[in-house]
Amino acid sequence: RRFVADCAREAVAQVRADVLAGCADQVDVDAIAADAA
């Protein structure tokens, strides 16, 4: 579970960086979960 949690944090961090860079205009939770998986 620890390794999966780390991957989830990485996926969230990637979307956060995209939002801050102006590259994302929405947050898709299902897409973030799929990326973490």
PDB file of all heavy atoms in Angstrom:
ATOM      1  N   ARG A   1       0.828  -1.202   0.000  1.00  0.00           N
ATOM      2  CA  ARG A   1       0.000   0.000   0.000  1.00  0.00           C
ATOM      3  C   ARG A   1       0.867   1.259   0.000  1.00  0.00           C
ATOM      4  O   ARG A   1       0.517   2.272  -0.601  1.00  0.00           O
ATOM      5  CB  ARG A   1      -0.920  -0.015   1.237  1.00  0.00           C
ATOM      6  CG  ARG A   1      -1.909   1.148   1.296  1.00  0.00           C
ATOM      7  CD  ARG A   1      -2.777   1.035   2.551  1.00  0.00           C
ATOM      8  NE  ARG A   1      -3.691   2.156   2.685  1.00  0.00           N
ATOM      9  CZ  ARG A   1      -4.882   2.212   2.130  1.00  0.00           C
ATOM     10  NH1 ARG A   1      -5.315   1.188   1.395  1.00  0.00           N
ATOM     11  NH2 ARG A   1      -5.664   3.263   2.304  1.00  0.00           N
ATOM     12  N   ARG A   2       2.023   1.172   0.642  1.00  0.00           N
ATOM     13  CA  ARG A   2       2.927   2.336   0.697  1.00  0.00           C
ATOM     14  C   ARG A   2       3.411   2.722  -0.695  1.00  0.00           C
ATOM     15  O   ARG A   2       3.477   3.899  -1.041  1.00  0.00           O
ATOM     16  CB  ARG A   2       4.110   2.025   1.607  1.00  0.00           C
ATOM     17  CG  ARG A   2       5.144   3.144   1.671  1.00  0.00           C
ATOM     18  CD  ARG A   2       6.173   2.862   2.751  1.00  0.00           C
ATOM     19  NE  ARG A   2       6.953   1.670   2.449  1.00  0.00           N
ATOM     20  CZ  ARG A   2       8.070   1.677   1.690  1.00  0.00           C
ATOM     21  NH1 ARG A   2       8.472   2.805   1.122  1.00  0.00           N
ATOM     22  NH2 ARG A   2       8.739   0.574   1.482  1.00  0.00           N
ATOM     23  N   PHE A   3       3.790   1.723  -1.517  1.00  0.00           N
ATOM     24  CA  PHE A   3       4.259   2.018  -2.866  1.00  0.00           C
ATOM     25  C   PHE A   3       3.136   2.612  -3.709  1.00  0.00           C
ATOM     26  O   PHE A   3       3.357   3.548  -4.489  1.00  0.00           O
ATOM     27  CB  PHE A   3       4.803   0.754  -3.537  1.00  0.00           C
ATOM     28  CG  PHE A   3       6.122   0.300  -2.999  1.00  0.00           C
ATOM     29  CD1 PHE A   3       6.272  -0.981  -2.492  1.00  0.00           C
ATOM     30  CD2 PHE A   3       7.214   1.143  -2.991  1.00  0.00           C
ATOM     31  CE1 PHE A   3       7.487  -1.405  -1.993  1.00  0.00           C
ATOM     32  CE2 PHE A   3       8.437   0.730  -2.506  1.00  0.00           C
ATOM     33  CZ  PHE A   3       8.570  -0.553  -1.997  1.00  0.00           C
ATOM     34  N   VAL A   4       1.921   2.075  -3.564  1.00  0.00           N
ATOM     35  CA  VAL A   4       0.793   2.591  -4.339  1.00  0.00           C
ATOM     36  C   VAL A   4       0.480   4.028  -3.916  1.00  0.00           C
ATOM     37  O   VAL A   4       0.180   4.885  -4.751  1.00  0.00           O
ATOM     38  CB  VAL A   4      -0.433   1.683  -4.163  1.00  0.00           C
ATOM     39  CG1 VAL A   4      -1.619   2.244  -4.952  1.00  0.00           C
ATOM     40  CG2 VAL A   4      -0.125   0.264  -4.631  1.00  0.00           C
ATOM     41  N   ALA A   5       0.576   4.297  -2.610  1.00  0.00           N
ATOM     42  CA  ALA A   5       0.335   5.658  -2.125  1.00  0.00           C
ATOM     43  C   ALA A   5       1.356   6.633  -2.703  1.00  0.00           C
ATOM     44  O   ALA A   5       1.018   7.771  -3.070  1.00  0.00           O
ATOM     45  CB  ALA A   5       0.379   5.679  -0.601  1.00  0.00           C
ATOM     46  N   ASP A   6       2.603   6.206  -2.789  1.00  0.00           N
ATOM     47  CA  ASP A   6       3.633   7.076  -3.391  1.00  0.00           C
ATOM     48  C   ASP A   6       3.290   7.402  -4.839  1.00  0.00           C
ATOM     49  O   ASP A   6       3.473   8.538  -5.294  1.00  0.00           O
ATOM     50  CB  ASP A   6       4.999   6.396  -3.319  1.00  0.00           C
ATOM     51  CG  ASP A   6       5.565   6.362  -1.907  1.00  0.00           C
ATOM     52  OD1 ASP A   6       5.081   7.141  -1.065  1.00  0.00           O
ATOM     53  OD2 ASP A   6       6.472   5.554  -1.647  1.00  0.00           O
ATOM     54  N   CYS A   7       2.797   6.400  -5.568  1.00  0.00           N
ATOM     55  CA  CYS A   7       2.433   6.630  -6.973  1.00  0.00           C
ATOM     56  C   CYS A   7       1.236   7.562  -7.079  1.00  0.00           C
ATOM     57  O   CYS A   7       1.142   8.375  -8.008  1.00  0.00           O
ATOM     58  CB  CYS A   7       2.138   5.298  -7.653  1.00  0.00           C
ATOM     59  SG  CYS A   7       3.599   4.237  -7.827  1.00  0.00           S
ATOM     60  N   ALA A   8       0.304   7.447  -6.131  1.00  0.00           N
ATOM     61  CA  ALA A   8      -0.847   8.351  -6.119  1.00  0.00           C
ATOM     62  C   ALA A   8      -0.388   9.782  -5.885  1.00  0.00           C
ATOM     63  O   ALA A   8      -0.893  10.722  -6.519  1.00  0.00           O
ATOM     64  CB  ALA A   8      -1.831   7.914  -5.043  1.00  0.00           C
ATOM     65  N   ARG A   9       0.561   9.967  -4.965  1.00  0.00           N
ATOM     66  CA  ARG A   9       1.090  11.313  -4.718  1.00  0.00           C
ATOM     67  C   ARG A   9       1.755  11.874  -5.984  1.00  0.00           C
ATOM     68  O   ARG A   9       1.639  13.059  -6.295  1.00  0.00           O
ATOM     69  CB  ARG A   9       2.092  11.278  -3.569  1.00  0.00           C
ATOM     70  CG  ARG A   9       1.466  11.005  -2.210  1.00  0.00           C
ATOM     71  CD  ARG A   9       2.465  11.161  -1.084  1.00  0.00           C
ATOM     72  NE  ARG A   9       1.885  10.710   0.169  1.00  0.00           N
ATOM     73  CZ  ARG A   9       2.014   9.480   0.656  1.00  0.00           C
ATOM     74  NH1 ARG A   9       2.736   8.575  -0.005  1.00  0.00           N
ATOM     75  NH2 ARG A   9       1.440   9.144   1.793  1.00  0.00           N
ATOM     76  N   GLU A  10       2.499  11.017  -6.706  1.00  0.00           N
ATOM     77  CA  GLU A  10       3.160  11.453  -7.939  1.00  0.00           C
ATOM     78  C   GLU A  10       2.119  11.898  -8.975  1.00  0.00           C
ATOM     79  O   GLU A  10       2.309  12.907  -9.675  1.00  0.00           O
ATOM     80  CB  GLU A  10       4.012  10.327  -8.509  1.00  0.00           C
ATOM     81  CG  GLU A  10       5.245   9.988  -7.680  1.00  0.00           C
ATOM     82  CD  GLU A  10       5.983   8.785  -8.241  1.00  0.00           C
ATOM     83  OE1 GLU A  10       5.564   8.275  -9.308  1.00  0.00           O
ATOM     84  OE2 GLU A  10       6.965   8.351  -7.613  1.00  0.00           O
ATOM     85  N   ALA A  11       1.036  11.132  -9.085  1.00  0.00           N
ATOM     86  CA  ALA A  11      -0.007  11.477 -10.060  1.00  0.00           C
ATOM     87  C   ALA A  11      -0.670  12.804  -9.706  1.00  0.00           C
ATOM     88  O   ALA A  11      -0.923  13.645 -10.588  1.00  0.00           O
ATOM     89  CB  ALA A  11      -1.042  10.359 -10.125  1.00  0.00           C
ATOM     90  N   VAL A  12      -0.957  13.024  -8.422  1.00  0.00           N
ATOM     91  CA  VAL A  12      -1.551  14.288  -7.988  1.00  0.00           C
ATOM     92  C   VAL A  12      -0.579  15.442  -8.211  1.00  0.00           C
ATOM     93  O   VAL A  12      -0.961  16.529  -8.678  1.00  0.00           O
ATOM     94  CB  VAL A  12      -1.964  14.208  -6.504  1.00  0.00           C
ATOM     95  CG1 VAL A  12      -2.411  15.576  -5.998  1.00  0.00           C
ATOM     96  CG2 VAL A  12      -3.083  13.184  -6.304  1.00  0.00           C
ATOM     97  N   ALA A  13       0.690  15.199  -7.890  1.00  0.00           N
ATOM     98  CA  ALA A  13       1.699  16.243  -8.062  1.00  0.00           C
ATOM     99  C   ALA A  13       1.833  16.650  -9.526  1.00  0.00           C
ATOM    100  O   ALA A  13       2.055  17.829  -9.837  1.00  0.00           O
ATOM    101  CB  ALA A  13       3.042  15.762  -7.517  1.00  0.00           C
ATOM    102  N   GLN A  14       1.681  15.686 -10.445  1.00  0.00           N
ATOM    103  CA  GLN A  14       1.779  16.004 -11.863  1.00  0.00           C
ATOM    104  C   GLN A  14       0.637  16.917 -12.293  1.00  0.00           C
ATOM    105  O   GLN A  14       0.838  17.904 -13.016  1.00  0.00           O
ATOM    106  CB  GLN A  14       1.752  14.715 -12.687  1.00  0.00           C
ATOM    107  CG  GLN A  14       1.841  14.940 -14.186  1.00  0.00           C
ATOM    108  CD  GLN A  14       3.139  15.595 -14.590  1.00  0.00           C
ATOM    109  OE1 GLN A  14       4.210  15.051 -14.354  1.00  0.00           O
ATOM    110  NE2 GLN A  14       3.074  16.779 -15.191  1.00  0.00           N
ATOM    111  N   VAL A  15      -0.572  16.613 -11.838  1.00  0.00           N
ATOM    112  CA  VAL A  15      -1.722  17.465 -12.191  1.00  0.00           C
ATOM    113  C   VAL A  15      -1.573  18.843 -11.552  1.00  0.00           C
ATOM    114  O   VAL A  15      -1.891  19.870 -12.172  1.00  0.00           O
ATOM    115  CB  VAL A  15      -3.036  16.793 -11.767  1.00  0.00           C
ATOM    116  CG1 VAL A  15      -4.224  17.712 -12.050  1.00  0.00           C
ATOM    117  CG2 VAL A  15      -3.210  15.461 -12.483  1.00  0.00           C
ATOM    118  N   ARG A  16      -1.085  18.885 -10.304  1.00  0.00           N
ATOM    119  CA  ARG A  16      -0.875  20.172  -9.642  1.00  0.00           C
ATOM    120  C   ARG A  16       0.109  21.029 -10.448  1.00  0.00           C
ATOM    121  O   ARG A  16      -0.112  22.238 -10.660  1.00  0.00           O
ATOM    122  CB  ARG A  16      -0.344  19.963  -8.230  1.00  0.00           C
ATOM    123  CG  ARG A  16      -0.095  21.288  -7.473  1.00  0.00           C
ATOM    124  CD  ARG A  16       0.481  21.059  -6.096  1.00  0.00           C
ATOM    125  NE  ARG A  16      -0.492  20.427  -5.204  1.00  0.00           N
ATOM    126  CZ  ARG A  16      -0.415  19.175  -4.778  1.00  0.00           C
ATOM    127  NH1 ARG A  16       0.610  18.406  -5.166  1.00  0.00           N
ATOM    128  NH2 ARG A  16      -1.334  18.684  -3.969  1.00  0.00           N
ATOM    129  N   ALA A  17       1.186  20.406 -10.910  1.00  0.00           N
ATOM    130  CA  ALA A  17       2.163  21.145 -11.709  1.00  0.00           C
ATOM    131  C   ALA A  17       1.543  21.635 -13.017  1.00  0.00           C
ATOM    132  O   ALA A  17       1.835  22.751 -13.474  1.00  0.00           O
ATOM    133  CB  ALA A  17       3.379  20.258 -11.991  1.00  0.00           C
ATOM    134  N   ASP A  18       0.686  20.817 -13.633  1.00  0.00           N
ATOM    135  CA  ASP A  18       0.027  21.225 -14.882  1.00  0.00           C
ATOM    136  C   ASP A  18      -0.901  22.409 -14.647  1.00  0.00           C
ATOM    137  O   ASP A  18      -0.975  23.335 -15.474  1.00  0.00           O
ATOM    138  CB  ASP A  18      -0.763  20.050 -15.463  1.00  0.00           C
ATOM    139  CG  ASP A  18       0.142  18.938 -15.991  1.00  0.00           C
ATOM    140  OD1 ASP A  18       1.340  19.208 -16.201  1.00  0.00           O
ATOM    141  OD2 ASP A  18      -0.353  17.808 -16.174  1.00  0.00           O
ATOM    142  N   VAL A  19      -1.620  22.386 -13.521  1.00  0.00           N
ATOM    143  CA  VAL A  19      -2.519  23.497 -13.206  1.00  0.00           C
ATOM    144  C   VAL A  19      -1.726  24.784 -13.004  1.00  0.00           C
ATOM    145  O   VAL A  19      -2.065  25.844 -13.539  1.00  0.00           O
ATOM    146  CB  VAL A  19      -3.355  23.169 -11.952  1.00  0.00           C
ATOM    147  CG1 VAL A  19      -4.115  24.410 -11.481  1.00  0.00           C
ATOM    148  CG2 VAL A  19      -4.332  22.029 -12.239  1.00  0.00           C
ATOM    149  N   LEU A  20      -0.641  24.695 -12.240  1.00  0.00           N
ATOM    150  CA  LEU A  20       0.177  25.883 -11.962  1.00  0.00           C
ATOM    151  C   LEU A  20       0.835  26.427 -13.230  1.00  0.00           C
ATOM    152  O   LEU A  20       1.077  27.634 -13.344  1.00  0.00           O
ATOM    153  CB  LEU A  20       1.238  25.544 -10.911  1.00  0.00           C
ATOM    154  CG  LEU A  20       0.706  25.257  -9.501  1.00  0.00           C
ATOM    155  CD1 LEU A  20       1.834  24.753  -8.588  1.00  0.00           C
ATOM    156  CD2 LEU A  20       0.066  26.513  -8.905  1.00  0.00           C
ATOM    157  N   ALA A  21       1.112  25.532 -14.162  1.00  0.00           N
ATOM    158  CA  ALA A  21       1.730  25.961 -15.416  1.00  0.00           C
ATOM    159  C   ALA A  21       0.705  26.440 -16.431  1.00  0.00           C
ATOM    160  O   ALA A  21       1.079  26.866 -17.533  1.00  0.00           O
ATOM    161  CB  ALA A  21       2.550  24.816 -16.002  1.00  0.00           C
ATOM    162  N   GLY A  22      -0.574  26.337 -16.083  1.00  0.00           N
ATOM    163  CA  GLY A  22      -1.620  26.761 -17.006  1.00  0.00           C
ATOM    164  C   GLY A  22      -1.915  25.754 -18.090  1.00  0.00           C
ATOM    165  O   GLY A  22      -2.541  26.083 -19.109  1.00  0.00           O
ATOM    166  N   CYS A  23      -1.494  24.510 -17.907  1.00  0.00           N
ATOM    167  CA  CYS A  23      -1.670  23.469 -18.927  1.00  0.00           C
ATOM    168  C   CYS A  23      -2.921  22.627 -18.692  1.00  0.00           C
ATOM    169  O   CYS A  23      -3.243  21.762 -19.519  1.00  0.00           O
ATOM    170  CB  CYS A  23      -0.452  22.546 -18.969  1.00  0.00           C
ATOM    171  SG  CYS A  23       1.094  23.389 -19.342  1.00  0.00           S
ATOM    172  N   ALA A  24      -3.599  22.815 -17.563  1.00  0.00           N
ATOM    173  CA  ALA A  24      -4.801  22.026 -17.257  1.00  0.00           C
ATOM    174  C   ALA A  24      -5.908  22.974 -16.805  1.00  0.00           C
ATOM    175  O   ALA A  24      -5.680  23.863 -15.981  1.00  0.00           O
ATOM    176  CB  ALA A  24      -4.492  21.008 -16.164  1.00  0.00           C
ATOM    177  N   ASP A  25      -7.087  22.762 -17.356  1.00  0.00           N
ATOM    178  CA  ASP A  25      -8.220  23.621 -16.983  1.00  0.00           C
ATOM    179  C   ASP A  25      -9.318  22.843 -16.277  1.00  0.00           C
ATOM    180  O   ASP A  25     -10.427  23.352 -16.067  1.00  0.00           O
ATOM    181  CB  ASP A  25      -8.784  24.341 -18.210  1.00  0.00           C
ATOM    182  CG  ASP A  25      -9.212  23.367 -19.300  1.00  0.00           C
ATOM    183  OD1 ASP A  25      -9.162  22.136 -19.057  1.00  0.00           O
ATOM    184  OD2 ASP A  25      -9.586  23.833 -20.385  1.00  0.00           O
ATOM    185  N   GLN A  26      -9.037  21.566 -15.917  1.00  0.00           N
ATOM    186  CA  GLN A  26      -9.983  20.788 -15.141  1.00  0.00           C
ATOM    187  C   GLN A  26      -9.231  19.710 -14.372  1.00  0.00           C
ATOM    188  O   GLN A  26      -8.092  19.371 -14.719  1.00  0.00           O
ATOM    189  CB  GLN A  26     -11.046  20.149 -16.034  1.00  0.00           C
ATOM    190  CG  GLN A  26     -10.475  19.125 -17.018  1.00  0.00           C
ATOM    191  CD  GLN A  26     -11.571  18.462 -17.852  1.00  0.00           C
ATOM    192  OE1 GLN A  26     -12.754  18.646 -17.599  1.00  0.00           O
ATOM    193  NE2 GLN A  26     -11.165  17.669 -18.828  1.00  0.00           N
ATOM    194  N   VAL A  27      -9.861  19.178 -13.338  1.00  0.00           N
ATOM    195  CA  VAL A  27      -9.292  18.082 -12.550  1.00  0.00           C
ATOM    196  C   VAL A  27     -10.211  16.884 -12.685  1.00  0.00           C
ATOM    197  O   VAL A  27     -11.381  16.934 -12.265  1.00  0.00           O
ATOM    198  CB  VAL A  27      -9.144  18.484 -11.066  1.00  0.00           C
ATOM    199  CG1 VAL A  27      -8.758  17.270 -10.233  1.00  0.00           C
ATOM    200  CG2 VAL A  27      -8.098  19.580 -10.919  1.00  0.00           C
ATOM    201  N   ASP A  28      -9.681  15.821 -13.308  1.00  0.00           N
ATOM    202  CA  ASP A  28     -10.440  14.583 -13.513  1.00  0.00           C
ATOM    203  C   ASP A  28      -9.918  13.542 -12.527  1.00  0.00           C
ATOM    204  O   ASP A  28      -8.829  12.983 -12.721  1.00  0.00           O
ATOM    205  CB  ASP A  28     -10.269  14.107 -14.955  1.00  0.00           C
ATOM    206  CG  ASP A  28     -11.133  12.902 -15.292  1.00  0.00           C
ATOM    207  OD1 ASP A  28     -11.495  12.159 -14.360  1.00  0.00           O
ATOM    208  OD2 ASP A  28     -11.422  12.688 -16.481  1.00  0.00           O
ATOM    209  N   VAL A  29     -10.683  13.294 -11.473  1.00  0.00           N
ATOM    210  CA  VAL A  29     -10.230  12.381 -10.419  1.00  0.00           C
ATOM    211  C   VAL A  29     -10.034  10.971 -10.960  1.00  0.00           C
ATOM    212  O   VAL A  29      -9.065  10.282 -10.606  1.00  0.00           O
ATOM    213  CB  VAL A  29     -11.231  12.377  -9.242  1.00  0.00           C
ATOM    214  CG1 VAL A  29     -10.818  11.343  -8.192  1.00  0.00           C
ATOM    215  CG2 VAL A  29     -11.311  13.763  -8.618  1.00  0.00           C
ATOM    216  N   ASP A  30     -10.943  10.525 -11.822  1.00  0.00           N
ATOM    217  CA  ASP A  30     -10.805   9.175 -12.392  1.00  0.00           C
ATOM    218  C   ASP A  30      -9.526   9.055 -13.219  1.00  0.00           C
ATOM    219  O   ASP A  30      -8.843   8.023 -13.190  1.00  0.00           O
ATOM    220  CB  ASP A  30     -12.020   8.846 -13.264  1.00  0.00           C
ATOM    221  CG  ASP A  30     -13.282   8.647 -12.444  1.00  0.00           C
ATOM    222  OD1 ASP A  30     -13.159   8.357 -11.231  1.00  0.00           O
ATOM    223  OD2 ASP A  30     -14.385   8.779 -13.016  1.00  0.00           O
ATOM    224  N   ALA A  31      -9.199  10.111 -13.952  1.00  0.00           N
ATOM    225  CA  ALA A  31      -7.967  10.086 -14.765  1.00  0.00           C
ATOM    226  C   ALA A  31      -6.736  10.075 -13.870  1.00  0.00           C
ATOM    227  O   ALA A  31      -5.741   9.399 -14.177  1.00  0.00           O
ATOM    228  CB  ALA A  31      -7.936  11.287 -15.699  1.00  0.00           C
ATOM    229  N   ILE A  32      -6.775  10.800 -12.757  1.00  0.00           N
ATOM    230  CA  ILE A  32      -5.651  10.805 -11.822  1.00  0.00           C
ATOM    231  C   ILE A  32      -5.481   9.420 -11.205  1.00  0.00           C
ATOM    232  O   ILE A  32      -4.361   8.905 -11.076  1.00  0.00           O
ATOM    233  CB  ILE A  32      -5.851  11.866 -10.724  1.00  0.00           C
ATOM    234  CG1 ILE A  32      -5.866  13.266 -11.334  1.00  0.00           C
ATOM    235  CG2 ILE A  32      -4.748  11.765  -9.669  1.00  0.00           C
ATOM    236  CD1 ILE A  32      -6.214  14.362 -10.346  1.00  0.00           C
ATOM    237  N   ALA A  33      -6.596   8.791 -10.829  1.00  0.00           N
ATOM    238  CA  ALA A  33      -6.521   7.441 -10.265  1.00  0.00           C
ATOM    239  C   ALA A  33      -5.964   6.450 -11.280  1.00  0.00           C
ATOM    240  O   ALA A  33      -5.153   5.581 -10.939  1.00  0.00           O
ATOM    241  CB  ALA A  33      -7.916   7.008  -9.800  1.00  0.00           C
ATOM    242  N   ALA A  34      -6.386   6.582 -12.535  1.00  0.00           N
ATOM    243  CA  ALA A  34      -5.871   5.689 -13.583  1.00  0.00           C
ATOM    244  C   ALA A  34      -4.381   5.892 -13.785  1.00  0.00           C
ATOM    245  O   ALA A  34      -3.623   4.926 -13.975  1.00  0.00           O
ATOM    246  CB  ALA A  34      -6.634   5.931 -14.886  1.00  0.00           C
ATOM    247  N   ASP A  35      -3.943   7.150 -13.749  1.00  0.00           N
ATOM    248  CA  ASP A  35      -2.512   7.430 -13.885  1.00  0.00           C
ATOM    249  C   ASP A  35      -1.732   6.848 -12.711  1.00  0.00           C
ATOM    250  O   ASP A  35      -0.651   6.269 -12.883  1.00  0.00           O
ATOM    251  CB  ASP A  35      -2.283   8.936 -13.977  1.00  0.00           C
ATOM    252  CG  ASP A  35      -0.822   9.281 -14.167  1.00  0.00           C
ATOM    253  OD1 ASP A  35      -0.117   8.551 -14.895  1.00  0.00           O
ATOM    254  OD2 ASP A  35      -0.356  10.272 -13.557  1.00  0.00           O
ATOM    255  N   ALA A  36      -2.265   6.972 -11.501  1.00  0.00           N
ATOM    256  CA  ALA A  36      -1.603   6.398 -10.328  1.00  0.00           C
ATOM    257  C   ALA A  36      -1.510   4.885 -10.447  1.00  0.00           C
ATOM    258  O   ALA A  36      -0.485   4.279 -10.106  1.00  0.00           O
ATOM    259  CB  ALA A  36      -2.357   6.789  -9.058  1.00  0.00           C
ATOM    260  N   ALA A  37      -2.582   4.253 -10.938  1.00  0.00           N
ATOM    261  CA  ALA A  37      -2.569   2.795 -11.122  1.00  0.00           C
ATOM    262  C   ALA A  37      -1.525   2.383 -12.151  1.00  0.00           C
ATOM    263  O   ALA A  37      -0.803   1.395 -11.968  1.00  0.00           O
ATOM    264  CB  ALA A  37      -3.958   2.316 -11.541  1.00  0.00           C
TER     265      ALA A  37
END
